[in-house]
């Protein structure tokens, strides 16, 4: 009888695909919002009468508010359910960006970026909670991979969309139109609430999820402050530092080291950026087949990425060879993501997954706050090659966190 009930509770393939599509679309929207404003900075300087420092402060406010509210939002999601919270976040962020386009006042801009940062805190806790409850555990790695790839696609599409819309209309109307898209995604989620299960709906742990902590009885803050979850936070922080080093400063470093034109240095980075989503999708397929050794696979990926970036730092290679190494780095950096998510999922007891993912995802925000200033300082005052050494070192240190977390996962 128990087996029959469990089989009935397991989502079917069609429902799983629909759930992944809806939640991934919401994740696309969250990353779409993140890169809408940078293409507008030259215009916003004139509109608000401020400099790039003040505009950068607004982006920092967005990140800081997200970092401070993501864990409390995770508790709210676990308590009241993810569906309504995700819809509220989508609508709130859409309203914030629409009002930015309608109110050309810098003080209002700062306040609305704080509101958008609060809305952005919803996505990781709610998305992972919904995927965990709505997708067959046998397909969870691929679900996580599509979710991550959708976010990357949102980053890629946002600047192009904003520039295109500005050829048709003014920047305010373009921003309001983009905000309207987010509201439509909120409507899409609302129309699919029956497909999207909350953990409270299914009542199943799923594939040994959170076995170690469930056995020890750790919940709430005690769970978040346990060593494996804290190491998961450091795991995400290390990934964030490496990504910021490559994505934000590799072009400047290559330009300084090789005296290469910015166009050629940017082409090298593009190899990394195109390879990453391919790696994410491939990593989802791998994650569904390696079962409980996601830590080992992730560690191997970090070894490869550290070796490739270390070679860029250590040897005087031509740009074509560096481009090839960047492509391999992007591929393996992408392949880490689904195993990373499966590993954190395995440490989350039933009913706690939103707060766990909300907590460890703060590592991304902390990396986004600390890494740019650190790499900028190093690039101003040191050999440009130090950027690549630090990225390689961060990848190697991250191996320690992922392996320790993996050992804790496998404890009965």
Protein backbone atom coordinates (compact mmCIF):
# COMPACT_ATOMS: atom_id res chain seq x y z
CA UNK A 1 0.00 0.00 0.00
CA UNK A 2 2.80 2.44 0.91
CA UNK A 3 4.52 1.75 -2.41
CA UNK A 4 1.27 2.45 -4.24
CA UNK A 5 0.78 5.75 -2.43
CA UNK A 6 4.36 6.82 -3.15
CA UNK A 7 4.02 5.96 -6.82
CA UNK A 8 0.83 7.99 -7.04
CA UNK A 9 2.54 10.93 -5.34
CA UNK A 10 5.46 10.89 -7.76
CA UNK A 11 4.95 13.54 -10.46
CA UNK A 12 4.51 12.23 -14.01
CA UNK A 13 6.81 13.16 -16.86
CA UNK A 14 4.34 15.62 -18.39
CA UNK A 15 3.70 17.39 -15.08
CA UNK A 16 7.44 17.49 -14.37
CA UNK A 17 8.19 19.08 -17.75
CA UNK A 18 5.48 21.69 -17.26
CA UNK A 19 6.69 22.50 -13.75
CA UNK A 20 10.30 22.88 -14.91
CA UNK A 21 9.16 25.12 -17.78
CA UNK A 22 7.13 27.43 -15.53
CA UNK A 23 9.71 27.70 -12.73
CA UNK A 24 12.58 28.14 -15.22
CA UNK A 25 10.64 30.95 -16.90
CA UNK A 26 10.41 32.69 -13.52
CA UNK A 27 14.17 32.22 -13.07
CA UNK A 28 14.71 33.66 -16.56
CA UNK A 29 12.71 36.73 -15.49
CA UNK A 30 14.77 37.21 -12.33
CA UNK A 31 18.06 37.29 -14.27
CA UNK A 32 16.45 39.33 -17.05
CA UNK A 33 15.75 42.09 -14.52
CA UNK A 34 19.34 42.06 -13.23
CA UNK A 35 20.89 43.29 -16.48
CA UNK A 36 18.16 45.61 -17.73
CA UNK A 37 19.66 48.77 -16.24
CA UNK A 38 23.42 48.68 -17.08
CA UNK A 39 22.81 49.50 -20.78
CA UNK A 40 20.90 52.59 -19.57
CA UNK A 41 23.67 53.95 -17.34
CA UNK A 42 24.89 56.62 -19.80
CA UNK A 43 21.30 57.92 -20.07
CA UNK A 44 20.54 57.59 -16.36
CA UNK A 45 23.57 59.74 -15.50
CA UNK A 46 21.91 62.63 -17.32
CA UNK A 47 18.38 61.86 -16.09
CA UNK A 48 19.36 61.74 -12.41
CA UNK A 49 22.30 64.15 -12.58
CA UNK A 50 24.67 61.67 -10.88
CA UNK A 51 27.83 59.75 -11.74
CA UNK A 52 28.58 56.08 -12.27
CA UNK A 53 29.45 55.72 -8.58
CA UNK A 54 25.89 56.61 -7.57
CA UNK A 55 24.48 54.28 -10.22
CA UNK A 56 26.74 51.51 -9.00
CA UNK A 57 25.49 52.17 -5.46
CA UNK A 58 21.96 51.41 -6.63
CA UNK A 59 23.09 48.01 -7.94
CA UNK A 60 24.85 47.37 -4.62
CA UNK A 61 21.64 48.24 -2.75
CA UNK A 62 19.82 45.64 -4.84
CA UNK A 63 22.40 42.95 -3.98
CA UNK A 64 22.64 43.85 -0.29
CA UNK A 65 18.87 43.76 0.23
CA UNK A 66 18.67 40.40 -1.53
CA UNK A 67 21.49 39.02 0.64
CA UNK A 68 19.82 40.25 3.85
CA UNK A 69 16.30 39.02 3.06
CA UNK A 70 16.86 35.74 1.21
CA UNK A 71 17.04 33.62 4.37
CA UNK A 72 13.94 35.15 6.02
CA UNK A 73 12.09 34.65 2.73
CA UNK A 74 13.18 31.00 2.81
CA UNK A 75 11.56 30.59 6.22
CA UNK A 76 8.37 32.21 4.89
CA UNK A 77 8.34 29.91 1.85
CA UNK A 78 8.72 26.80 4.03
CA UNK A 79 5.98 28.06 6.33
CA UNK A 80 3.35 29.35 3.89
CA UNK A 81 4.23 27.70 0.56
CA UNK A 82 6.26 28.72 -2.47
CA UNK A 83 3.62 29.37 -5.12
CA UNK A 84 2.07 32.54 -3.69
CA UNK A 85 5.47 33.87 -2.61
CA UNK A 86 6.89 33.39 -6.12
CA UNK A 87 3.91 35.14 -7.73
CA UNK A 88 4.19 38.01 -5.24
CA UNK A 89 7.92 38.36 -5.97
CA UNK A 90 7.36 38.48 -9.73
CA UNK A 91 4.63 41.11 -9.44
CA UNK A 92 6.55 43.20 -6.90
CA UNK A 93 9.71 43.28 -9.01
CA UNK A 94 7.69 44.11 -12.14
CA UNK A 95 6.08 47.03 -10.29
CA UNK A 96 9.47 48.26 -9.02
CA UNK A 97 11.05 48.36 -12.49
CA UNK A 98 7.96 49.93 -14.05
CA UNK A 99 8.05 52.71 -11.44
CA UNK A 100 11.76 53.27 -12.10
CA UNK A 101 10.75 54.08 -15.66
CA UNK A 102 7.92 56.36 -14.51
CA UNK A 103 9.63 58.30 -11.68
CA UNK A 104 12.88 59.98 -12.85
CA UNK A 105 14.16 60.83 -9.35
CA UNK A 106 17.41 59.35 -7.98
CA UNK A 107 16.07 58.93 -4.42
CA UNK A 108 13.10 57.00 -5.76
CA UNK A 109 15.50 54.97 -7.90
CA UNK A 110 17.45 53.85 -4.81
CA UNK A 111 14.28 53.00 -2.91
CA UNK A 112 12.82 51.04 -5.83
CA UNK A 113 16.08 49.10 -6.28
CA UNK A 114 15.77 48.10 -2.63
CA UNK A 115 12.21 46.91 -3.31
CA UNK A 116 13.44 44.99 -6.37
CA UNK A 117 16.18 43.42 -4.24
CA UNK A 118 13.54 42.21 -1.79
CA UNK A 119 11.52 40.72 -4.65
CA UNK A 120 14.67 39.08 -6.05
CA UNK A 121 15.17 37.29 -2.72
CA UNK A 122 12.10 35.18 -3.52
CA UNK A 123 13.39 33.25 -6.51
CA UNK A 124 15.95 30.79 -5.16
CA UNK A 125 13.98 29.67 -2.07
CA UNK A 126 10.68 29.41 -3.97
CA UNK A 127 12.08 27.95 -7.21
CA UNK A 128 14.04 25.15 -5.56
CA UNK A 129 11.16 24.33 -3.23
CA UNK A 130 8.75 24.01 -6.15
CA UNK A 131 11.15 21.98 -8.29
CA UNK A 132 11.92 19.64 -5.41
CA UNK A 133 8.22 18.91 -4.86
CA UNK A 134 7.03 19.01 -8.49
CA UNK A 135 9.63 16.96 -10.37
CA UNK A 136 10.31 13.24 -10.38
CA UNK A 137 13.51 12.76 -8.31
CA UNK A 138 14.97 10.69 -11.16
CA UNK A 139 14.92 13.83 -13.34
CA UNK A 140 15.91 16.34 -10.68
CA UNK A 141 19.43 16.95 -12.01
CA UNK A 142 18.08 17.85 -15.44
CA UNK A 143 15.41 20.04 -13.84
CA UNK A 144 18.08 21.98 -11.96
CA UNK A 145 20.16 22.28 -15.12
CA UNK A 146 17.30 23.80 -17.15
CA UNK A 147 16.55 26.15 -14.25
CA UNK A 148 20.16 27.40 -14.17
CA UNK A 149 20.44 27.63 -17.96
CA UNK A 150 17.24 29.71 -18.08
CA UNK A 151 18.82 32.21 -15.68
CA UNK A 152 21.90 32.44 -17.88
CA UNK A 153 19.69 33.02 -20.90
CA UNK A 154 17.93 35.83 -19.04
CA UNK A 155 21.29 37.53 -18.46
CA UNK A 156 22.17 37.21 -22.13
CA UNK A 157 18.84 38.45 -23.50
CA UNK A 158 18.26 41.48 -21.23
CA UNK A 159 20.81 43.97 -22.63
CA UNK A 160 19.97 43.11 -26.25
CA UNK A 161 16.25 43.45 -25.54
CA UNK A 162 16.67 46.84 -23.89
CA UNK A 163 18.83 48.17 -26.73
CA UNK A 164 16.37 46.88 -29.34
CA UNK A 165 13.34 48.42 -27.62
CA UNK A 166 15.16 51.75 -27.36
CA UNK A 167 15.43 51.83 -31.14
CA UNK A 168 11.63 51.73 -31.23
CA UNK A 169 10.75 53.96 -28.28
CA UNK A 170 12.24 55.89 -25.33
CA UNK A 171 14.03 54.22 -22.41
CA UNK A 172 11.13 54.72 -19.97
CA UNK A 173 8.63 52.95 -22.20
CA UNK A 174 11.16 50.21 -22.90
CA UNK A 175 11.64 49.62 -19.17
CA UNK A 176 7.90 49.54 -18.54
CA UNK A 177 7.46 47.01 -21.36
CA UNK A 178 10.15 44.78 -19.85
CA UNK A 179 8.47 45.08 -16.46
CA UNK A 180 5.19 44.04 -18.05
CA UNK A 181 6.88 40.84 -19.19
CA UNK A 182 7.64 40.01 -15.56
CA UNK A 183 4.01 40.56 -14.62
CA UNK A 184 2.97 38.18 -17.40
CA UNK A 185 5.34 35.55 -16.00
CA UNK A 186 3.63 36.00 -12.64
CA UNK A 187 0.32 35.33 -14.39
CA UNK A 188 1.83 32.20 -16.00
CA UNK A 189 2.79 30.89 -12.55
CA UNK A 190 -0.69 31.68 -11.21
CA UNK A 191 -2.32 29.74 -14.05
CA UNK A 192 -0.18 26.67 -13.30
CA UNK A 193 -0.59 26.42 -9.54
CA UNK A 194 -2.10 22.95 -9.85
CA UNK A 195 0.99 21.70 -11.65
CA UNK A 196 3.38 23.33 -9.19
CA UNK A 197 3.46 21.33 -5.99
CA UNK A 198 4.72 22.66 -2.68
CA UNK A 199 6.60 20.38 -0.34
CA UNK A 200 3.59 20.45 1.95
CA UNK A 201 1.45 19.05 -0.89
CA UNK A 202 3.61 16.00 -1.61
CA UNK A 203 4.71 15.12 1.90
CA UNK A 204 7.58 13.00 0.60
CA UNK A 205 11.27 13.41 1.21
CA UNK A 206 12.27 12.21 -2.21
CA UNK A 207 15.42 10.30 -3.05
CA UNK A 208 16.94 10.38 0.39
CA UNK A 209 16.78 14.16 0.56
CA UNK A 210 18.17 15.51 3.78
CA UNK A 211 18.69 12.12 5.36
CA UNK A 212 21.59 13.20 7.53
CA UNK A 213 19.89 16.23 9.04
CA UNK A 214 16.53 14.58 9.28
CA UNK A 215 18.10 11.89 11.41
CA UNK A 216 19.85 14.38 13.65
CA UNK A 217 16.70 16.47 14.05
CA UNK A 218 18.38 19.72 13.02
CA UNK A 219 15.87 22.29 11.78
CA UNK A 220 15.52 26.05 11.42
CA UNK A 221 18.51 28.16 12.46
CA UNK A 222 20.23 25.16 13.99
CA UNK A 223 20.18 23.48 10.59
CA UNK A 224 21.47 26.58 8.78
CA UNK A 225 24.33 27.00 11.26
CA UNK A 226 25.40 23.34 11.03
CA UNK A 227 28.81 22.73 9.48
CA UNK A 228 27.67 21.12 6.17
CA UNK A 229 25.24 23.97 5.40
CA UNK A 230 27.81 26.63 6.34
CA UNK A 231 30.26 24.89 4.01
CA UNK A 232 27.53 24.98 1.35
CA UNK A 233 27.42 28.75 1.82
CA UNK A 234 31.20 28.90 1.32
CA UNK A 235 30.80 26.60 -1.68
CA UNK A 236 28.49 29.13 -3.36
CA UNK A 237 30.74 32.01 -2.29
CA UNK A 238 33.77 30.37 -3.94
CA UNK A 239 31.85 29.81 -7.17
CA UNK A 240 30.73 33.44 -7.14
CA UNK A 241 34.28 34.74 -6.63
CA UNK A 242 35.57 32.65 -9.53
CA UNK A 243 32.73 33.72 -11.82
CA UNK A 244 33.18 37.41 -11.05
CA UNK A 245 36.91 37.16 -11.63
CA UNK A 246 36.43 35.64 -15.07
CA UNK A 247 33.30 37.45 -16.23
CA UNK A 248 34.11 40.94 -14.94
CA UNK A 249 37.91 41.22 -15.02
CA UNK A 250 39.39 38.68 -17.44
CA UNK A 251 39.02 41.04 -20.42
CA UNK A 252 40.90 43.82 -18.59
CA UNK A 253 43.57 41.38 -17.41
CA UNK A 254 44.12 39.90 -20.87
CA UNK A 255 44.23 43.38 -22.38
CA UNK A 256 46.95 44.38 -19.91
CA UNK A 257 48.99 41.15 -20.15
CA UNK A 258 48.91 40.65 -23.92
CA UNK A 259 48.27 44.22 -25.04
CA UNK A 260 45.36 42.69 -26.96
CA UNK A 261 42.56 44.76 -28.49
CA UNK A 262 39.43 44.74 -26.34
CA UNK A 263 37.52 43.05 -29.16
CA UNK A 264 39.90 40.06 -29.15
CA UNK A 265 39.98 39.82 -25.35
CA UNK A 266 36.17 39.94 -25.30
CA UNK A 267 36.05 37.12 -27.85
CA UNK A 268 38.03 34.97 -25.40
CA UNK A 269 35.48 35.69 -22.68
CA UNK A 270 32.66 34.93 -25.10
CA UNK A 271 34.03 31.39 -25.50
CA UNK A 272 33.58 30.93 -21.76
CA UNK A 273 30.09 32.44 -21.73
CA UNK A 274 28.81 30.26 -24.57
CA UNK A 275 30.33 27.08 -23.17
CA UNK A 276 28.84 27.55 -19.68
CA UNK A 277 25.14 26.91 -20.50
CA UNK A 278 26.15 23.91 -22.63
CA UNK A 279 28.00 22.58 -19.59
CA UNK A 280 24.96 23.20 -17.37
CA UNK A 281 22.68 21.13 -19.60
CA UNK A 282 25.25 18.34 -19.90
CA UNK A 283 25.79 18.46 -16.14
CA UNK A 284 22.10 17.85 -15.52
CA UNK A 285 22.28 14.61 -17.48
CA UNK A 286 25.36 13.57 -15.49
CA UNK A 287 23.83 14.53 -12.13
CA UNK A 288 20.85 12.23 -12.70
CA UNK A 289 23.17 9.27 -13.28
CA UNK A 290 25.85 9.57 -10.62
CA UNK A 291 23.33 9.52 -7.77
CA UNK A 292 25.16 10.09 -4.48
CA UNK A 293 28.65 11.12 -5.68
CA UNK A 294 27.86 14.64 -6.78
CA UNK A 295 30.63 15.96 -4.51
CA UNK A 296 33.29 13.90 -6.29
CA UNK A 297 32.10 14.99 -9.73
CA UNK A 298 31.96 18.64 -8.66
CA UNK A 299 35.49 18.38 -7.23
CA UNK A 300 36.78 16.96 -10.52
CA UNK A 301 35.17 19.87 -12.39
CA UNK A 302 36.87 22.35 -10.08
CA UNK A 303 40.22 20.64 -10.64
CA UNK A 304 39.80 21.05 -14.41
CA UNK A 305 38.75 24.71 -14.14
CA UNK A 306 41.61 25.50 -11.75
CA UNK A 307 44.07 23.78 -14.08
CA UNK A 308 42.87 25.68 -17.15
CA UNK A 309 42.86 29.10 -15.48
CA UNK A 310 46.15 28.33 -13.74
CA UNK A 311 47.69 27.58 -17.14
CA UNK A 312 46.52 30.99 -18.40
CA UNK A 313 48.29 32.59 -15.43
CA UNK A 314 51.46 30.50 -15.61
CA UNK A 315 52.30 30.32 -19.33
CA UNK A 316 52.67 32.95 -22.10
CA UNK A 317 50.00 31.45 -24.33
CA UNK A 318 48.56 32.95 -27.54
CA UNK A 319 45.01 34.28 -27.31
CA UNK A 320 43.69 31.40 -29.43
CA UNK A 321 44.96 28.89 -26.86
CA UNK A 322 43.59 31.00 -24.02
CA UNK A 323 40.22 31.04 -25.78
CA UNK A 324 40.26 27.24 -25.93
CA UNK A 325 41.13 27.03 -22.23
CA UNK A 326 38.35 29.48 -21.42
CA UNK A 327 35.88 27.35 -23.38
CA UNK A 328 36.88 24.24 -21.40
CA UNK A 329 36.67 26.26 -18.18
CA UNK A 330 33.17 27.45 -19.06
CA UNK A 331 32.06 23.92 -19.95
CA UNK A 332 33.20 22.40 -16.63
CA UNK A 333 32.11 25.43 -14.58
CA UNK A 334 28.65 24.93 -16.03
CA UNK A 335 28.66 21.18 -15.38
CA UNK A 336 29.18 21.85 -11.67
CA UNK A 337 25.83 23.63 -11.24
CA UNK A 338 23.34 20.70 -11.28
CA UNK A 339 25.53 18.55 -9.03
CA UNK A 340 25.95 21.57 -6.74
CA UNK A 341 22.17 21.89 -6.45
CA UNK A 342 21.66 18.15 -5.98
CA UNK A 343 24.24 18.16 -3.20
CA UNK A 344 22.54 20.99 -1.33
CA UNK A 345 19.14 19.38 -1.89
CA UNK A 346 20.42 16.19 -0.30
CA UNK A 347 21.30 18.10 2.87
CA UNK A 348 17.81 19.65 3.18
CA UNK A 349 15.26 17.83 5.37
CA UNK A 350 11.63 17.78 4.21
CA UNK A 351 10.02 21.16 4.78
CA UNK A 352 13.40 22.96 5.07
CA UNK A 353 14.60 23.15 1.47
CA UNK A 354 13.56 26.77 0.81
CA UNK A 355 15.46 28.17 3.78
CA UNK A 356 18.52 26.02 3.00
CA UNK A 357 18.73 27.17 -0.62
CA UNK A 358 17.95 30.71 0.46
CA UNK A 359 20.81 30.56 2.96
CA UNK A 360 23.49 29.01 0.75
CA UNK A 361 22.52 31.29 -2.15
CA UNK A 362 23.54 34.24 0.02
CA UNK A 363 27.06 33.07 -0.86
CA UNK A 364 26.41 34.30 -4.41
CA UNK A 365 25.38 37.71 -3.09
CA UNK A 366 28.37 37.96 -0.75
CA UNK A 367 30.66 37.05 -3.63
CA UNK A 368 28.99 39.71 -5.75
CA UNK A 369 29.65 42.30 -3.05
CA UNK A 370 33.24 41.36 -2.19
CA UNK A 371 34.77 40.00 -5.40
CA UNK A 372 34.50 43.04 -7.72
CA UNK A 373 36.23 45.35 -5.23
CA UNK A 374 38.91 42.74 -4.52
CA UNK A 375 39.70 42.03 -8.16
CA UNK A 376 39.62 45.72 -9.01
CA UNK A 377 42.13 46.41 -6.22
CA UNK A 378 44.42 43.59 -7.41
CA UNK A 379 44.24 44.74 -11.02
CA UNK A 380 45.12 48.31 -10.03
CA UNK A 381 48.06 47.40 -7.79
CA UNK A 382 49.47 44.05 -8.91
CA UNK A 383 50.54 42.03 -11.90
CA UNK A 384 47.33 41.49 -13.98
CA UNK A 385 48.05 37.77 -13.98
CA UNK A 386 47.15 37.69 -10.27
CA UNK A 387 43.49 37.78 -11.32
CA UNK A 388 43.81 34.32 -12.86
CA UNK A 389 45.87 32.97 -9.95
CA UNK A 390 43.16 34.06 -7.50
CA UNK A 391 40.43 32.49 -9.64
CA UNK A 392 42.38 29.21 -9.81
CA UNK A 393 43.05 29.33 -6.06
CA UNK A 394 39.37 29.98 -5.29
CA UNK A 395 38.42 26.93 -7.38
CA UNK A 396 40.87 24.72 -5.47
CA UNK A 397 39.71 25.96 -2.06
CA UNK A 398 36.10 25.34 -3.09
CA UNK A 399 36.98 21.66 -3.53
CA UNK A 400 37.49 21.39 0.25
CA UNK A 401 34.01 22.74 0.95
CA UNK A 402 32.25 20.50 -1.54
CA UNK A 403 34.04 17.33 -0.43
CA UNK A 404 33.33 18.01 3.25
CA UNK A 405 29.67 18.65 2.47
CA UNK A 406 29.55 15.43 0.45
CA UNK A 407 30.98 13.37 3.31
CA UNK A 408 28.35 14.78 5.66
CA UNK A 409 25.65 13.88 3.13
CA UNK A 410 26.68 10.22 3.02
CA UNK A 411 26.59 9.76 6.80
CA UNK A 412 23.63 7.62 7.83
